[in-house]
Amino acid sequence: MDSRADPSDEAQGLRLVRAFLLLPPDKRAEVIAFVEDLVRAHAQPDEGQKISPLPDR
């Protein structure tokens, strides 16, 4: 973890992970599917814009 992270943010993250792990497997699968849908929706380029390749490092 980032040593500069706010301790309350770190604690919240740990609580979320613990809550996720306490879910039954079918509910965990629902959460994963929901998050994957959010990521896909967020990764979509705006209309009329093309996805540009990442620049070389």
Protein backbone atom coordinates (compact mmCIF):
# COMPACT_ATOMS: atom_id res chain seq x y z
CA MET A 1 0.00 0.00 0.00
CA ASP A 2 1.04 3.57 -0.54
CA SER A 3 2.69 4.89 2.61
CA ARG A 4 1.23 8.34 1.80
CA ALA A 5 -2.36 7.04 1.73
CA ASP A 6 -4.76 8.45 4.27
CA PRO A 7 -5.17 5.85 7.04
CA SER A 8 -8.95 6.23 6.86
CA ASP A 9 -8.85 5.46 3.11
CA GLU A 10 -6.73 2.39 3.80
CA ALA A 11 -9.10 1.22 6.53
CA GLN A 12 -12.11 1.74 4.24
CA GLY A 13 -10.40 -0.30 1.52
CA LEU A 14 -9.72 -3.13 3.93
CA ARG A 15 -13.34 -3.08 5.11
CA LEU A 16 -14.54 -3.31 1.50
CA VAL A 17 -12.24 -6.26 0.78
CA ARG A 18 -13.38 -8.03 3.94
CA ALA A 19 -17.05 -7.44 3.11
CA PHE A 20 -16.49 -8.78 -0.41
CA LEU A 21 -14.78 -11.91 0.89
CA LEU A 22 -17.61 -12.55 3.34
CA LEU A 23 -20.16 -12.64 0.51
CA PRO A 24 -21.40 -16.01 -0.72
CA PRO A 25 -19.80 -17.07 -4.05
CA ASP A 26 -22.90 -16.23 -6.13
CA LYS A 27 -23.03 -12.69 -4.73
CA ARG A 28 -19.28 -12.26 -5.31
CA ALA A 29 -19.84 -13.22 -8.96
CA GLU A 30 -22.57 -10.56 -9.20
CA VAL A 31 -20.25 -7.92 -7.76
CA ILE A 32 -17.47 -8.88 -10.17
CA ALA A 33 -19.85 -8.75 -13.15
CA PHE A 34 -21.15 -5.35 -12.03
CA VAL A 35 -17.64 -3.92 -11.69
CA GLU A 36 -16.61 -5.34 -15.07
CA ASP A 37 -19.65 -3.64 -16.64
CA LEU A 38 -18.68 -0.33 -15.01
CA VAL A 39 -15.12 -0.63 -16.28
CA ARG A 40 -16.29 -1.42 -19.81
CA ALA A 41 -18.73 1.51 -19.78
CA HIS A 42 -16.09 3.87 -18.46
CA ALA A 43 -13.49 2.68 -20.99
CA GLN A 44 -15.77 3.41 -23.97
CA PRO A 45 -14.52 6.43 -25.95
CA ASP A 46 -16.91 9.33 -26.41
CA GLU A 47 -18.87 9.29 -29.64
CA GLY A 48 -16.79 10.47 -32.56
CA GLN A 49 -13.48 9.88 -30.81
CA LYS A 50 -11.07 7.13 -31.68
CA ILE A 51 -9.04 5.24 -29.12
CA SER A 52 -5.43 6.25 -29.58
CA PRO A 53 -2.66 3.78 -28.85
CA LEU A 54 -0.56 4.30 -25.75
CA PRO A 55 2.65 6.21 -26.40
CA ASP A 56 5.94 4.30 -26.24
CA ARG A 57 7.80 4.70 -23.00
